[in-house]
Amino acid sequence: MRIFSKALLGATAIHGLYFMSTMAIGYIKTVNYEPDLEAAWAIVDNLPREVTFGYASSPFLYAGSFLATVSACGFILSMYEKFSYNSSKAGVS
């Protein structure tokens, strides 16, 4: 249970960093955006004539990503404990 709780904490930290960095990048791009109104006014042909919908990923994708990250962190932690236990038992530091 100890490895599982550490893996869960690691996956939460990794996903938290991912979402926070995505929001920070979006905020920085929004703050620094300066539209060129004169160039847009001169070229009228660039106005869209149809509606375009963006892509939104499924929440199940994030749940699957979180579970895969938990299992990857658990595997890494178990391998670390296995090799660190063997090296300390053999007297190698």
C-alpha atoms as a PDB file:
ATOM      1  CA  MET A   1       0.000   0.000   0.000  1.00  0.00           C
ATOM      2  CA  ARG A   2       2.934   2.295   0.583  1.00  0.00           C
ATOM      3  CA  ILE A   3       4.098   2.082  -3.042  1.00  0.00           C
ATOM      4  CA  PHE A   4       0.542   2.611  -4.283  1.00  0.00           C
ATOM      5  CA  SER A   5       0.077   5.770  -2.222  1.00  0.00           C
ATOM      6  CA  LYS A   6       3.420   7.152  -3.422  1.00  0.00           C
ATOM      7  CA  ALA A   7       2.518   6.294  -7.030  1.00  0.00           C
ATOM      8  CA  LEU A   8      -0.857   7.994  -6.616  1.00  0.00           C
ATOM      9  CA  LEU A   9       0.832  11.093  -5.202  1.00  0.00           C
ATOM     10  CA  GLY A  10       3.375  11.110  -8.046  1.00  0.00           C
ATOM     11  CA  ALA A  11       0.686  10.783 -10.725  1.00  0.00           C
ATOM     12  CA  THR A  12      -1.316  13.583  -9.107  1.00  0.00           C
ATOM     13  CA  ALA A  13       1.765  15.814  -9.079  1.00  0.00           C
ATOM     14  CA  ILE A  14       2.584  15.047 -12.722  1.00  0.00           C
ATOM     15  CA  HIS A  15      -0.971  15.735 -13.886  1.00  0.00           C
ATOM     16  CA  GLY A  16      -1.183  18.854 -11.721  1.00  0.00           C
ATOM     17  CA  LEU A  17       1.995  20.205 -13.326  1.00  0.00           C
ATOM     18  CA  TYR A  18       0.598  19.394 -16.764  1.00  0.00           C
ATOM     19  CA  PHE A  19      -2.684  21.248 -16.208  1.00  0.00           C
ATOM     20  CA  MET A  20      -1.041  24.208 -14.480  1.00  0.00           C
ATOM     21  CA  SER A  21       1.554  24.608 -17.242  1.00  0.00           C
ATOM     22  CA  THR A  22      -1.175  24.420 -19.906  1.00  0.00           C
ATOM     23  CA  MET A  23      -3.141  27.160 -18.162  1.00  0.00           C
ATOM     24  CA  ALA A  24      -0.015  29.279 -17.605  1.00  0.00           C
ATOM     25  CA  ILE A  25       0.957  29.063 -21.280  1.00  0.00           C
ATOM     26  CA  GLY A  26      -2.586  30.016 -22.315  1.00  0.00           C
ATOM     27  CA  TYR A  27      -2.593  32.953 -19.916  1.00  0.00           C
ATOM     28  CA  ILE A  28       0.776  34.224 -21.162  1.00  0.00           C
ATOM     29  CA  LYS A  29      -0.340  33.940 -24.795  1.00  0.00           C
ATOM     30  CA  THR A  30      -3.573  35.798 -23.992  1.00  0.00           C
ATOM     31  CA  VAL A  31      -1.831  38.621 -22.136  1.00  0.00           C
ATOM     32  CA  ASN A  32       0.785  39.115 -24.854  1.00  0.00           C
ATOM     33  CA  TYR A  33      -1.610  38.990 -27.820  1.00  0.00           C
ATOM     34  CA  GLU A  34      -1.797  42.235 -29.792  1.00  0.00           C
ATOM     35  CA  PRO A  35      -4.159  42.139 -32.766  1.00  0.00           C
ATOM     36  CA  ASP A  36      -3.214  43.984 -35.932  1.00  0.00           C
ATOM     37  CA  LEU A  37      -6.514  45.733 -36.649  1.00  0.00           C
ATOM     38  CA  GLU A  38      -5.274  47.818 -39.558  1.00  0.00           C
ATOM     39  CA  ALA A  39      -4.099  44.777 -41.530  1.00  0.00           C
ATOM     40  CA  ALA A  40      -7.306  42.890 -40.743  1.00  0.00           C
ATOM     41  CA  TRP A  41      -9.433  45.859 -41.871  1.00  0.00           C
ATOM     42  CA  ALA A  42      -7.587  46.118 -45.183  1.00  0.00           C
ATOM     43  CA  ILE A  43      -8.103  42.450 -46.125  1.00  0.00           C
ATOM     44  CA  VAL A  44     -11.807  41.602 -45.971  1.00  0.00           C
ATOM     45  CA  ASP A  45     -11.460  38.174 -47.600  1.00  0.00           C
ATOM     46  CA  ASN A  46     -10.091  36.585 -44.446  1.00  0.00           C
ATOM     47  CA  LEU A  47     -13.454  36.716 -42.653  1.00  0.00           C
ATOM     48  CA  PRO A  48     -14.778  33.208 -42.047  1.00  0.00           C
ATOM     49  CA  ARG A  49     -17.994  32.212 -43.778  1.00  0.00           C
ATOM     50  CA  GLU A  50     -18.618  29.014 -41.851  1.00  0.00           C
ATOM     51  CA  VAL A  51     -18.472  27.857 -38.267  1.00  0.00           C
ATOM     52  CA  THR A  52     -15.628  25.647 -37.143  1.00  0.00           C
ATOM     53  CA  PHE A  53     -15.848  23.536 -34.034  1.00  0.00           C
ATOM     54  CA  GLY A  54     -12.737  22.663 -32.081  1.00  0.00           C
ATOM     55  CA  TYR A  55     -11.645  19.340 -30.672  1.00  0.00           C
ATOM     56  CA  ALA A  56     -12.322  18.395 -27.067  1.00  0.00           C
ATOM     57  CA  SER A  57     -10.850  15.182 -25.753  1.00  0.00           C
ATOM     58  CA  SER A  58     -12.868  12.716 -23.731  1.00  0.00           C
ATOM     59  CA  PRO A  59     -12.625  12.760 -19.924  1.00  0.00           C
ATOM     60  CA  PHE A  60     -11.986   9.015 -20.127  1.00  0.00           C
ATOM     61  CA  LEU A  61      -8.706   9.827 -21.885  1.00  0.00           C
ATOM     62  CA  TYR A  62      -7.552  11.788 -18.831  1.00  0.00           C
ATOM     63  CA  ALA A  63      -8.692   8.999 -16.500  1.00  0.00           C
ATOM     64  CA  GLY A  64      -6.798   6.439 -18.574  1.00  0.00           C
ATOM     65  CA  SER A  65      -3.743   8.685 -18.651  1.00  0.00           C
ATOM     66  CA  PHE A  66      -3.913   9.072 -14.880  1.00  0.00           C
ATOM     67  CA  LEU A  67      -4.172   5.309 -14.321  1.00  0.00           C
ATOM     68  CA  ALA A  68      -1.289   4.667 -16.721  1.00  0.00           C
ATOM     69  CA  THR A  69       0.814   7.246 -14.877  1.00  0.00           C
ATOM     70  CA  VAL A  70      -0.034   5.646 -11.527  1.00  0.00           C
ATOM     71  CA  SER A  71       1.039   2.241 -12.811  1.00  0.00           C
ATOM     72  CA  ALA A  72       4.233   3.666 -14.361  1.00  0.00           C
ATOM     73  CA  CYS A  73       5.121   5.458 -11.127  1.00  0.00           C
ATOM     74  CA  GLY A  74       4.376   2.282  -9.148  1.00  0.00           C
ATOM     75  CA  PHE A  75       6.611   0.242 -11.445  1.00  0.00           C
ATOM     76  CA  ILE A  76       9.444   2.760 -11.156  1.00  0.00           C
ATOM     77  CA  LEU A  77       9.098   2.899  -7.359  1.00  0.00           C
ATOM     78  CA  SER A  78       9.034  -0.886  -7.018  1.00  0.00           C
ATOM     79  CA  MET A  79      12.136  -1.232  -9.217  1.00  0.00           C
ATOM     80  CA  TYR A  80      13.874   1.485  -7.214  1.00  0.00           C
ATOM     81  CA  GLU A  81      13.095  -0.238  -3.920  1.00  0.00           C
ATOM     82  CA  LYS A  82      14.168  -3.613  -5.316  1.00  0.00           C
ATOM     83  CA  PHE A  83      17.522  -2.344  -6.554  1.00  0.00           C
ATOM     84  CA  SER A  84      18.211  -0.119  -3.566  1.00  0.00           C
ATOM     85  CA  TYR A  85      17.419  -3.045  -1.218  1.00  0.00           C
ATOM     86  CA  ASN A  86      19.769  -5.364  -3.130  1.00  0.00           C
ATOM     87  CA  SER A  87      22.600  -2.833  -3.170  1.00  0.00           C
ATOM     88  CA  SER A  88      22.282  -2.092   0.562  1.00  0.00           C
ATOM     89  CA  LYS A  89      22.158  -5.816   1.343  1.00  0.00           C
ATOM     90  CA  ALA A  90      25.319  -6.464  -0.660  1.00  0.00           C
ATOM     91  CA  GLY A  91      27.143  -3.640   1.143  1.00  0.00           C
ATOM     92  CA  VAL A  92      27.353  -1.397  -1.907  1.00  0.00           C
ATOM     93  CA  SER A  93      26.581   2.231  -1.189  1.00  0.00           C
END
